[in-house]
Amino acid sequence: MRPVTKQVPINMRVAADRVRLIDIAAAMEGVNRTAFITDAATARAEALILNGPDEAARIEKAQAFEDALDSYSLR
């Protein structure tokens, strides 16, 4: 269990179609939007820090491919 730490706000502007995609994926995971985005950003940051930019780039390309498949099937 993670220690309780002070939370700080992060404000973002996101295109409506991306919010819809995030909300669908978050619902599929059974979490809210904030948890989904935080988990995804944390995983990306950890990959970059622990494995270097090459691994992070591979993860990003795989995610882009999955996103493309998801957007195709949602239409």
Protein backbone atom coordinates (compact mmCIF):
# COMPACT_ATOMS: atom_id res chain seq x y z
CA MET A 1 0.00 0.00 0.00
CA ARG A 2 1.31 3.42 -0.95
CA PRO A 3 1.79 6.00 1.78
CA VAL A 4 -0.76 8.79 1.83
CA THR A 5 0.69 11.89 0.20
CA LYS A 6 -0.67 15.32 -0.48
CA GLN A 7 -2.54 15.49 -3.77
CA VAL A 8 -2.13 18.43 -6.12
CA PRO A 9 -4.40 19.39 -9.04
CA ILE A 10 -3.37 18.94 -12.66
CA ASN A 11 -5.48 20.81 -15.18
CA MET A 12 -5.60 19.75 -18.84
CA ARG A 13 -7.44 20.67 -21.98
CA VAL A 14 -8.31 17.58 -23.99
CA ALA A 15 -10.19 17.15 -27.26
CA ALA A 16 -13.71 15.79 -26.77
CA ASP A 17 -13.04 12.66 -28.84
CA ARG A 18 -10.07 11.78 -26.64
CA VAL A 19 -12.11 12.30 -23.48
CA ARG A 20 -14.76 9.95 -24.86
CA LEU A 21 -12.12 7.31 -25.63
CA ILE A 22 -10.57 7.71 -22.17
CA ASP A 23 -13.98 7.48 -20.50
CA ILE A 24 -14.84 4.28 -22.37
CA ALA A 25 -11.53 2.68 -21.45
CA ALA A 26 -11.82 3.84 -17.83
CA ALA A 27 -15.30 2.32 -17.59
CA MET A 28 -13.97 -0.94 -19.02
CA GLU A 29 -11.30 -0.95 -16.29
CA GLY A 30 -13.87 -0.06 -13.63
CA VAL A 31 -12.11 3.16 -12.62
CA ASN A 32 -12.83 6.84 -12.98
CA ARG A 33 -11.19 9.15 -15.50
CA THR A 34 -8.69 10.57 -13.01
CA ALA A 35 -7.50 7.13 -11.91
CA PHE A 36 -7.23 5.94 -15.51
CA ILE A 37 -5.18 8.95 -16.64
CA THR A 38 -3.00 8.87 -13.53
CA ASP A 39 -2.26 5.16 -13.94
CA ALA A 40 -1.48 5.55 -17.65
CA ALA A 41 0.79 8.56 -17.11
CA THR A 42 2.55 6.86 -14.21
CA ALA A 43 3.17 3.71 -16.26
CA ARG A 44 4.58 5.80 -19.13
CA ALA A 45 6.83 7.76 -16.76
CA GLU A 46 8.10 4.58 -15.10
CA ALA A 47 8.84 2.98 -18.48
CA LEU A 48 10.80 6.01 -19.57
CA ILE A 49 12.73 6.33 -16.31
CA LEU A 50 13.41 2.61 -15.79
CA ASN A 51 13.90 1.43 -19.36
CA GLY A 52 15.02 4.51 -21.25
CA PRO A 53 13.49 6.30 -24.20
CA ASP A 54 13.68 3.31 -26.59
CA GLU A 55 11.38 1.18 -24.43
CA ALA A 56 9.06 4.11 -23.84
CA ALA A 57 8.88 4.71 -27.61
CA ARG A 58 7.97 1.06 -28.19
CA ILE A 59 5.24 1.30 -25.57
CA GLU A 60 3.95 4.51 -27.15
CA LYS A 61 3.84 2.90 -30.61
CA ALA A 62 2.01 -0.13 -29.22
CA GLN A 63 -0.48 2.16 -27.48
CA ALA A 64 -1.01 4.18 -30.67
CA PHE A 65 -1.71 0.93 -32.52
CA GLU A 66 -4.20 -0.17 -29.85
CA ASP A 67 -5.85 3.26 -29.93
CA ALA A 68 -6.19 3.04 -33.70
CA LEU A 69 -7.84 -0.36 -33.38
CA ASP A 70 -10.15 0.92 -30.65
CA SER A 71 -11.19 3.98 -32.65
CA TYR A 72 -11.89 1.81 -35.67
CA SER A 73 -14.13 -0.52 -33.70
CA LEU A 74 -16.01 2.34 -31.98
CA ARG A 75 -17.31 3.80 -35.24
